[in-house]
Amino acid sequence: MTTLSDVAKKASVSKMTVSRVINHPQQVTPELRKIVEKAMEQLNYHPNSIASALAHNRTNVVKLVILEDIDTTEPYYMNLLFGIAKGLSKKHYAIQLATDRNVGGGDGYINTLQKHNMIPKIFRIQNHSSLAEKLIIDNWRKFAPNTCFICASDRIAVGVVRAIQRKNGNIPRDFGVIGFDGVFLDQVSNPKLTTVKQNLFKLGELLAEMILQKIKQDGAQQGEVLIEPELIKSESTRK
């Protein structure tokens, strides 16, 4: 097993310097920190996070709260979680997942529609395709031809597609469906979904970086980071 002494020898520095790089990087010059971190990487050295946590009276665990019911087959959250976990592991932090099934989300497209003189009609459901399918079936008479369903997730969009097909509606001639995520479900849907694709893994890594920086700066605001999504046009909307 690689030890702190091995890293010190590889980097030609003292054990105290290696310890400072691990526990108090702000006390070491950037050049020296890079040398030590490179030696750690080459030797595949990972500090004892439990001992470090005890020494600094903190757990090095970040709790992530998901405000809806999810499972391990949900591609959106799995990609996001892996990105966050990877970003946290770079600084030897762990992630703890917590869920609250009683809190719902909201929609973010109202202003855009209003700018184009279009009146949005909003339906709120949990993120399940079966619930989306039932909602469309129950309200079918309210949807005139040329309606486009803009969904908060690809999972909801898949349910909308199923409902339209059950009612013998034609996609995309009579109805359009747009999802949001672009992780996996857009490709297995029939017809394939037009969707707003996000780089969820990169998003997770950036979230982890901002969380760690916030911890380092005692809760200071970290500003905003914008990751441009990409509209992927496919078979569920007109060309």
C-alpha atoms as a PDB file:
ATOM      1  CA  MET A   1       0.000   0.000   0.000  1.00  0.00           C
ATOM      2  CA  THR A   2       1.321   3.418  -0.960  1.00  0.00           C
ATOM      3  CA  THR A   3       1.999   5.678   2.010  1.00  0.00           C
ATOM      4  CA  LEU A   4       2.403   9.407   2.547  1.00  0.00           C
ATOM      5  CA  SER A   5       6.167   8.821   2.837  1.00  0.00           C
ATOM      6  CA  ASP A   6       6.194   7.248  -0.622  1.00  0.00           C
ATOM      7  CA  VAL A   7       4.520  10.319  -2.070  1.00  0.00           C
ATOM      8  CA  ALA A   8       6.978  12.626  -0.319  1.00  0.00           C
ATOM      9  CA  LYS A   9       9.899  10.658  -1.724  1.00  0.00           C
ATOM     10  CA  LYS A  10       8.429  10.630  -5.234  1.00  0.00           C
ATOM     11  CA  ALA A  11       7.843  14.391  -5.150  1.00  0.00           C
ATOM     12  CA  SER A  12      11.163  15.132  -3.390  1.00  0.00           C
ATOM     13  CA  VAL A  13       9.424  17.025  -0.596  1.00  0.00           C
ATOM     14  CA  SER A  14       8.819  16.503   3.130  1.00  0.00           C
ATOM     15  CA  LYS A  15       5.912  14.545   4.544  1.00  0.00           C
ATOM     16  CA  MET A  16       4.702  17.778   6.115  1.00  0.00           C
ATOM     17  CA  THR A  17       4.430  19.338   2.651  1.00  0.00           C
ATOM     18  CA  VAL A  18       2.408  16.406   1.362  1.00  0.00           C
ATOM     19  CA  SER A  19       0.122  16.692   4.373  1.00  0.00           C
ATOM     20  CA  ARG A  20      -0.408  20.395   3.718  1.00  0.00           C
ATOM     21  CA  VAL A  21      -1.268  19.751   0.072  1.00  0.00           C
ATOM     22  CA  ILE A  22      -3.906  17.256   1.190  1.00  0.00           C
ATOM     23  CA  ASN A  23      -5.372  19.111   4.154  1.00  0.00           C
ATOM     24  CA  HIS A  24      -4.489  22.788   3.629  1.00  0.00           C
ATOM     25  CA  PRO A  25      -3.761  23.338  -0.095  1.00  0.00           C
ATOM     26  CA  GLN A  26      -4.136  27.107   0.314  1.00  0.00           C
ATOM     27  CA  GLN A  27      -0.910  27.090   2.343  1.00  0.00           C
ATOM     28  CA  VAL A  28       1.135  25.649  -0.532  1.00  0.00           C
ATOM     29  CA  THR A  29       2.211  27.345  -3.755  1.00  0.00           C
ATOM     30  CA  PRO A  30       0.361  26.218  -6.911  1.00  0.00           C
ATOM     31  CA  GLU A  31       3.600  24.894  -8.430  1.00  0.00           C
ATOM     32  CA  LEU A  32       4.415  22.751  -5.398  1.00  0.00           C
ATOM     33  CA  ARG A  33       0.845  21.538  -5.150  1.00  0.00           C
ATOM     34  CA  LYS A  34       0.947  20.330  -8.770  1.00  0.00           C
ATOM     35  CA  ILE A  35       4.172  18.379  -8.109  1.00  0.00           C
ATOM     36  CA  VAL A  36       2.691  16.621  -5.092  1.00  0.00           C
ATOM     37  CA  GLU A  37      -0.647  15.935  -6.760  1.00  0.00           C
ATOM     38  CA  LYS A  38       1.149  14.471  -9.772  1.00  0.00           C
ATOM     39  CA  ALA A  39       3.130  12.164  -7.494  1.00  0.00           C
ATOM     40  CA  MET A  40      -0.098  11.097  -5.760  1.00  0.00           C
ATOM     41  CA  GLU A  41      -1.689  10.335  -9.115  1.00  0.00           C
ATOM     42  CA  GLN A  42       1.334   8.368 -10.373  1.00  0.00           C
ATOM     43  CA  LEU A  43       1.428   6.286  -7.202  1.00  0.00           C
ATOM     44  CA  ASN A  44      -2.372   5.950  -7.078  1.00  0.00           C
ATOM     45  CA  TYR A  45      -2.298   7.331  -3.548  1.00  0.00           C
ATOM     46  CA  HIS A  46      -5.620   8.137  -1.857  1.00  0.00           C
ATOM     47  CA  PRO A  47      -5.584   9.810   1.563  1.00  0.00           C
ATOM     48  CA  ASN A  48      -7.485   8.180   4.394  1.00  0.00           C
ATOM     49  CA  SER A  49     -10.643  10.271   4.182  1.00  0.00           C
ATOM     50  CA  ILE A  50     -12.056   8.890   7.446  1.00  0.00           C
ATOM     51  CA  ALA A  51      -8.962   9.855   9.448  1.00  0.00           C
ATOM     52  CA  SER A  52      -8.871  13.268   7.777  1.00  0.00           C
ATOM     53  CA  ALA A  53     -12.530  13.855   8.584  1.00  0.00           C
ATOM     54  CA  LEU A  54     -11.994  12.986  12.239  1.00  0.00           C
ATOM     55  CA  ALA A  55      -8.967  15.266  12.444  1.00  0.00           C
ATOM     56  CA  HIS A  56     -10.904  18.212  11.032  1.00  0.00           C
ATOM     57  CA  ASN A  57     -14.185  17.428  12.814  1.00  0.00           C
ATOM     58  CA  ARG A  58     -16.188  17.061   9.616  1.00  0.00           C
ATOM     59  CA  THR A  59     -17.551  14.163   7.588  1.00  0.00           C
ATOM     60  CA  ASN A  60     -16.499  15.095   4.017  1.00  0.00           C
ATOM     61  CA  VAL A  61     -19.932  13.892   2.908  1.00  0.00           C
ATOM     62  CA  VAL A  62     -22.199  16.023   0.703  1.00  0.00           C
ATOM     63  CA  LYS A  63     -25.903  15.214   0.938  1.00  0.00           C
ATOM     64  CA  LEU A  64     -27.881  15.546  -2.307  1.00  0.00           C
ATOM     65  CA  VAL A  65     -31.638  15.905  -1.902  1.00  0.00           C
ATOM     66  CA  ILE A  66     -33.826  14.755  -4.815  1.00  0.00           C
ATOM     67  CA  LEU A  67     -37.275  16.329  -4.623  1.00  0.00           C
ATOM     68  CA  GLU A  68     -39.139  13.511  -6.361  1.00  0.00           C
ATOM     69  CA  ASP A  69     -39.450   9.739  -6.438  1.00  0.00           C
ATOM     70  CA  ILE A  70     -36.719   8.136  -8.586  1.00  0.00           C
ATOM     71  CA  ASP A  71     -35.301   4.698  -9.210  1.00  0.00           C
ATOM     72  CA  THR A  72     -32.054   3.296 -10.611  1.00  0.00           C
ATOM     73  CA  THR A  73     -33.510   3.101 -14.126  1.00  0.00           C
ATOM     74  CA  GLU A  74     -33.897   6.888 -14.365  1.00  0.00           C
ATOM     75  CA  PRO A  75     -31.223   7.980 -16.889  1.00  0.00           C
ATOM     76  CA  TYR A  76     -31.415  11.695 -16.039  1.00  0.00           C
ATOM     77  CA  TYR A  77     -30.515  11.337 -12.389  1.00  0.00           C
ATOM     78  CA  MET A  78     -28.058   8.485 -12.892  1.00  0.00           C
ATOM     79  CA  ASN A  79     -25.948  10.595 -15.281  1.00  0.00           C
ATOM     80  CA  LEU A  80     -26.194  13.623 -13.004  1.00  0.00           C
ATOM     81  CA  LEU A  81     -25.279  11.636  -9.888  1.00  0.00           C
ATOM     82  CA  PHE A  82     -22.258  10.012 -11.516  1.00  0.00           C
ATOM     83  CA  GLY A  83     -21.019  13.434 -12.614  1.00  0.00           C
ATOM     84  CA  ILE A  84     -21.411  14.865  -9.108  1.00  0.00           C
ATOM     85  CA  ALA A  85     -19.763  11.827  -7.523  1.00  0.00           C
ATOM     86  CA  LYS A  86     -16.789  12.065  -9.874  1.00  0.00           C
ATOM     87  CA  GLY A  87     -16.353  15.767  -9.165  1.00  0.00           C
ATOM     88  CA  LEU A  88     -16.536  15.255  -5.391  1.00  0.00           C
ATOM     89  CA  SER A  89     -14.130  12.313  -5.409  1.00  0.00           C
ATOM     90  CA  LYS A  90     -11.390  14.544  -6.845  1.00  0.00           C
ATOM     91  CA  LYS A  91     -11.263  16.259  -3.435  1.00  0.00           C
ATOM     92  CA  HIS A  92     -11.965  13.061  -1.471  1.00  0.00           C
ATOM     93  CA  TYR A  93     -15.584  13.845  -0.692  1.00  0.00           C
ATOM     94  CA  ALA A  94     -18.427  11.320  -0.762  1.00  0.00           C
ATOM     95  CA  ILE A  95     -22.056  11.781  -1.786  1.00  0.00           C
ATOM     96  CA  GLN A  96     -25.144  10.803   0.205  1.00  0.00           C
ATOM     97  CA  LEU A  97     -28.491  10.653  -1.568  1.00  0.00           C
ATOM     98  CA  ALA A  98     -31.723  11.718   0.117  1.00  0.00           C
ATOM     99  CA  THR A  99     -35.188  11.894  -1.432  1.00  0.00           C
ATOM    100  CA  ASP A 100     -38.413  13.695  -0.628  1.00  0.00           C
ATOM    101  CA  ARG A 101     -41.332  12.311  -2.594  1.00  0.00           C
ATOM    102  CA  ASN A 102     -43.791  14.955  -1.490  1.00  0.00           C
ATOM    103  CA  VAL A 103     -42.365  17.975  -3.315  1.00  0.00           C
ATOM    104  CA  GLY A 104     -43.204  18.686  -6.930  1.00  0.00           C
ATOM    105  CA  GLY A 105     -41.366  20.682  -9.584  1.00  0.00           C
ATOM    106  CA  GLY A 106     -42.373  23.507 -12.017  1.00  0.00           C
ATOM    107  CA  ASP A 107     -42.182  24.442 -15.707  1.00  0.00           C
ATOM    108  CA  GLY A 108     -39.719  27.030 -17.205  1.00  0.00           C
ATOM    109  CA  TYR A 109     -41.069  27.820 -20.666  1.00  0.00           C
ATOM    110  CA  ILE A 110     -43.898  30.295 -19.919  1.00  0.00           C
ATOM    111  CA  ASN A 111     -41.908  33.462 -20.675  1.00  0.00           C
ATOM    112  CA  THR A 112     -40.681  32.086 -24.003  1.00  0.00           C
ATOM    113  CA  LEU A 113     -44.193  31.277 -25.180  1.00  0.00           C
ATOM    114  CA  GLN A 114     -45.489  34.672 -24.110  1.00  0.00           C
ATOM    115  CA  LYS A 115     -42.719  36.406 -26.074  1.00  0.00           C
ATOM    116  CA  HIS A 116     -44.101  34.692 -29.180  1.00  0.00           C
ATOM    117  CA  ASN A 117     -47.695  35.656 -28.343  1.00  0.00           C
ATOM    118  CA  MET A 118     -48.625  32.082 -27.470  1.00  0.00           C
ATOM    119  CA  ILE A 119     -50.757  31.168 -24.477  1.00  0.00           C
ATOM    120  CA  PRO A 120     -49.391  28.210 -22.485  1.00  0.00           C
ATOM    121  CA  LYS A 121     -51.644  25.671 -20.813  1.00  0.00           C
ATOM    122  CA  ILE A 122     -49.930  23.900 -17.921  1.00  0.00           C
ATOM    123  CA  PHE A 123     -50.559  20.444 -16.492  1.00  0.00           C
ATOM    124  CA  ARG A 124     -48.515  19.332 -13.474  1.00  0.00           C
ATOM    125  CA  ILE A 125     -47.759  15.675 -12.753  1.00  0.00           C
ATOM    126  CA  GLN A 126     -44.976  13.635 -11.214  1.00  0.00           C
ATOM    127  CA  ASN A 127     -42.211  12.336 -13.447  1.00  0.00           C
ATOM    128  CA  HIS A 128     -43.838   9.064 -14.558  1.00  0.00           C
ATOM    129  CA  SER A 129     -44.834   8.082 -18.094  1.00  0.00           C
ATOM    130  CA  SER A 130     -47.947   6.238 -16.884  1.00  0.00           C
ATOM    131  CA  LEU A 131     -49.244   9.387 -15.176  1.00  0.00           C
ATOM    132  CA  ALA A 132     -48.582  11.416 -18.326  1.00  0.00           C
ATOM    133  CA  GLU A 133     -50.437   8.852 -20.425  1.00  0.00           C
ATOM    134  CA  LYS A 134     -53.444   8.922 -18.088  1.00  0.00           C
ATOM    135  CA  LEU A 135     -53.519  12.725 -18.027  1.00  0.00           C
ATOM    136  CA  ILE A 136     -53.683  12.954 -21.821  1.00  0.00           C
ATOM    137  CA  ILE A 137     -56.331  10.224 -22.059  1.00  0.00           C
ATOM    138  CA  ASP A 138     -58.490  11.873 -19.382  1.00  0.00           C
ATOM    139  CA  ASN A 139     -58.263  15.305 -21.044  1.00  0.00           C
ATOM    140  CA  TRP A 140     -58.209  14.216 -24.677  1.00  0.00           C
ATOM    141  CA  ARG A 141     -61.152  16.385 -25.774  1.00  0.00           C
ATOM    142  CA  LYS A 142     -59.298  19.506 -24.645  1.00  0.00           C
ATOM    143  CA  PHE A 143     -56.474  19.042 -27.169  1.00  0.00           C
ATOM    144  CA  ALA A 144     -57.165  20.325 -30.647  1.00  0.00           C
ATOM    145  CA  PRO A 145     -55.046  19.300 -33.665  1.00  0.00           C
ATOM    146  CA  ASN A 146     -51.815  21.323 -34.071  1.00  0.00           C
ATOM    147  CA  THR A 147     -51.185  21.073 -30.322  1.00  0.00           C
ATOM    148  CA  CYS A 148     -47.550  20.571 -29.326  1.00  0.00           C
ATOM    149  CA  PHE A 149     -46.886  18.997 -25.931  1.00  0.00           C
ATOM    150  CA  ILE A 150     -43.722  20.475 -24.376  1.00  0.00           C
ATOM    151  CA  CYS A 151     -42.737  18.088 -21.591  1.00  0.00           C
ATOM    152  CA  ALA A 152     -40.485  18.591 -18.568  1.00  0.00           C
ATOM    153  CA  SER A 153     -38.751  15.257 -19.207  1.00  0.00           C
ATOM    154  CA  ASP A 154     -38.379  12.569 -21.869  1.00  0.00           C
ATOM    155  CA  ARG A 155     -40.117  10.136 -19.524  1.00  0.00           C
ATOM    156  CA  ILE A 156     -43.237  12.286 -19.479  1.00  0.00           C
ATOM    157  CA  ALA A 157     -42.997  12.733 -23.243  1.00  0.00           C
ATOM    158  CA  VAL A 158     -42.984   8.961 -23.779  1.00  0.00           C
ATOM    159  CA  GLY A 159     -46.249   8.726 -21.856  1.00  0.00           C
ATOM    160  CA  VAL A 160     -47.760  11.515 -23.954  1.00  0.00           C
ATOM    161  CA  VAL A 161     -46.772   9.694 -27.157  1.00  0.00           C
ATOM    162  CA  ARG A 162     -48.429   6.488 -25.948  1.00  0.00           C
ATOM    163  CA  ALA A 163     -51.636   8.342 -25.091  1.00  0.00           C
ATOM    164  CA  ILE A 164     -51.844  10.052 -28.493  1.00  0.00           C
ATOM    165  CA  GLN A 165     -51.317   6.745 -30.235  1.00  0.00           C
ATOM    166  CA  ARG A 166     -54.017   5.086 -28.114  1.00  0.00           C
ATOM    167  CA  LYS A 167     -56.399   7.834 -29.247  1.00  0.00           C
ATOM    168  CA  ASN A 168     -55.352   7.295 -32.880  1.00  0.00           C
ATOM    169  CA  GLY A 169     -53.782  10.731 -33.112  1.00  0.00           C
ATOM    170  CA  ASN A 170     -51.118  11.215 -35.760  1.00  0.00           C
ATOM    171  CA  ILE A 171     -47.595  12.255 -34.693  1.00  0.00           C
ATOM    172  CA  PRO A 172     -46.281  14.633 -35.976  1.00  0.00           C
ATOM    173  CA  ARG A 173     -49.038  15.586 -38.459  1.00  0.00           C
ATOM    174  CA  ASP A 174     -51.693  16.405 -35.847  1.00  0.00           C
ATOM    175  CA  PHE A 175     -49.717  16.560 -32.612  1.00  0.00           C
ATOM    176  CA  GLY A 176     -46.114  17.360 -31.703  1.00  0.00           C
ATOM    177  CA  VAL A 177     -44.225  16.122 -28.637  1.00  0.00           C
ATOM    178  CA  ILE A 178     -40.999  17.619 -27.266  1.00  0.00           C
ATOM    179  CA  GLY A 179     -39.086  16.079 -24.390  1.00  0.00           C
ATOM    180  CA  PHE A 180     -36.290  17.318 -22.165  1.00  0.00           C
ATOM    181  CA  ASP A 181     -33.104  15.414 -21.187  1.00  0.00           C
ATOM    182  CA  GLY A 182     -31.821  13.619 -24.293  1.00  0.00           C
ATOM    183  CA  VAL A 183     -30.174  10.855 -22.294  1.00  0.00           C
ATOM    184  CA  PHE A 184     -31.741   7.613 -23.494  1.00  0.00           C
ATOM    185  CA  LEU A 185     -35.527   7.542 -23.687  1.00  0.00           C
ATOM    186  CA  ASP A 186     -35.663   9.872 -26.695  1.00  0.00           C
ATOM    187  CA  GLN A 187     -33.965   7.171 -28.767  1.00  0.00           C
ATOM    188  CA  VAL A 188     -36.128   4.213 -27.682  1.00  0.00           C
ATOM    189  CA  SER A 189     -39.407   6.063 -28.143  1.00  0.00           C
ATOM    190  CA  ASN A 190     -41.416   5.252 -31.278  1.00  0.00           C
ATOM    191  CA  PRO A 191     -41.481   7.706 -32.925  1.00  0.00           C
ATOM    192  CA  LYS A 192     -38.133   9.037 -31.700  1.00  0.00           C
ATOM    193  CA  LEU A 193     -38.512  12.176 -29.613  1.00  0.00           C
ATOM    194  CA  THR A 194     -37.534  15.693 -30.424  1.00  0.00           C
ATOM    195  CA  THR A 195     -35.839  16.727 -27.180  1.00  0.00           C
ATOM    196  CA  VAL A 196     -33.708  19.334 -25.457  1.00  0.00           C
ATOM    197  CA  LYS A 197     -30.432  17.505 -24.795  1.00  0.00           C
ATOM    198  CA  GLN A 198     -28.316  18.311 -21.743  1.00  0.00           C
ATOM    199  CA  ASN A 199     -24.754  17.338 -20.883  1.00  0.00           C
ATOM    200  CA  LEU A 200     -25.771  15.904 -17.526  1.00  0.00           C
ATOM    201  CA  PHE A 201     -22.428  14.330 -16.654  1.00  0.00           C
ATOM    202  CA  LYS A 202     -20.643  17.672 -17.166  1.00  0.00           C
ATOM    203  CA  LEU A 203     -23.405  19.417 -15.244  1.00  0.00           C
ATOM    204  CA  GLY A 204     -22.824  17.059 -12.316  1.00  0.00           C
ATOM    205  CA  GLU A 205     -19.082  17.716 -12.302  1.00  0.00           C
ATOM    206  CA  LEU A 206     -19.608  21.487 -12.340  1.00  0.00           C
ATOM    207  CA  LEU A 207     -22.142  21.239  -9.513  1.00  0.00           C
ATOM    208  CA  ALA A 208     -19.601  19.313  -7.454  1.00  0.00           C
ATOM    209  CA  GLU A 209     -16.927  21.955  -8.122  1.00  0.00           C
ATOM    210  CA  MET A 210     -19.278  24.745  -7.030  1.00  0.00           C
ATOM    211  CA  ILE A 211     -20.284  22.852  -3.871  1.00  0.00           C
ATOM    212  CA  LEU A 212     -16.665  22.231  -2.902  1.00  0.00           C
ATOM    213  CA  GLN A 213     -15.756  25.864  -3.561  1.00  0.00           C
ATOM    214  CA  LYS A 214     -18.720  26.972  -1.450  1.00  0.00           C
ATOM    215  CA  ILE A 215     -17.527  24.741   1.407  1.00  0.00           C
ATOM    216  CA  LYS A 216     -14.006  26.124   1.072  1.00  0.00           C
ATOM    217  CA  GLN A 217     -15.290  29.708   1.184  1.00  0.00           C
ATOM    218  CA  ASP A 218     -17.589  29.183   4.181  1.00  0.00           C
ATOM    219  CA  GLY A 219     -20.835  29.276   2.231  1.00  0.00           C
ATOM    220  CA  ALA A 220     -20.088  32.242  -0.026  1.00  0.00           C
ATOM    221  CA  GLN A 221     -22.244  32.629  -3.137  1.00  0.00           C
ATOM    222  CA  GLN A 222     -20.708  30.947  -6.200  1.00  0.00           C
ATOM    223  CA  GLY A 223     -22.584  32.746  -8.956  1.00  0.00           C
ATOM    224  CA  GLU A 224     -23.986  30.919 -11.964  1.00  0.00           C
ATOM    225  CA  VAL A 225     -22.654  28.585 -14.655  1.00  0.00           C
ATOM    226  CA  LEU A 226     -24.593  28.179 -17.898  1.00  0.00           C
ATOM    227  CA  ILE A 227     -24.378  24.965 -19.899  1.00  0.00           C
ATOM    228  CA  GLU A 228     -26.035  25.470 -23.263  1.00  0.00           C
ATOM    229  CA  PRO A 229     -28.537  22.697 -24.075  1.00  0.00           C
ATOM    230  CA  GLU A 230     -29.037  21.459 -27.610  1.00  0.00           C
ATOM    231  CA  LEU A 231     -32.344  21.011 -29.433  1.00  0.00           C
ATOM    232  CA  ILE A 232     -32.322  17.607 -31.133  1.00  0.00           C
ATOM    233  CA  LYS A 233     -35.036  17.484 -33.811  1.00  0.00           C
ATOM    234  CA  SER A 234     -36.456  14.063 -34.519  1.00  0.00           C
ATOM    235  CA  GLU A 235     -39.656  12.261 -35.500  1.00  0.00           C
ATOM    236  CA  SER A 236     -42.138  13.588 -32.907  1.00  0.00           C
ATOM    237  CA  THR A 237     -42.295  17.079 -34.429  1.00  0.00           C
ATOM    238  CA  ARG A 238     -42.733  18.409 -37.947  1.00  0.00           C
ATOM    239  CA  LYS A 239     -39.595  19.139 -39.944  1.00  0.00           C
END
